[in-house]
């Protein structure tokens, strides 16, 4: 997922234009809003902290963006990034999956996200 044209400040939401593309698919939303109250960084910090694994799927979601995390054998985390056009049946959604190493890899992703959201 690529975020562009984003604006963030401590008192205003993060509102980038978001695009997901891959073999044969390309989706774009003009605005995806993430605020400090959405706890996105806390979600990723928790994934990094639990590098030894967990059962089931963890989910973070907000308006048009949903992130799922599943711990897999071999010490990897599968992150599903879903953009959705709305909340009703018939609205489109697109999910891409990234695989991250559970230890240092997840710590780096969590740190990069905090920096990107300017929460450090």
Foldseek 3Di string as FASTA:
>chain_A
DDWPPWDADLVAWTWTWDWDDDVPDIDIDRTDTDHPVQCPLVVLVVQQVVQVADDDKDWRDDFFWIWIWHADPPRKIKIWIKGWPGDDPPTDIDIDIDIFRRYPRSVVVSVVVCVVNVVD
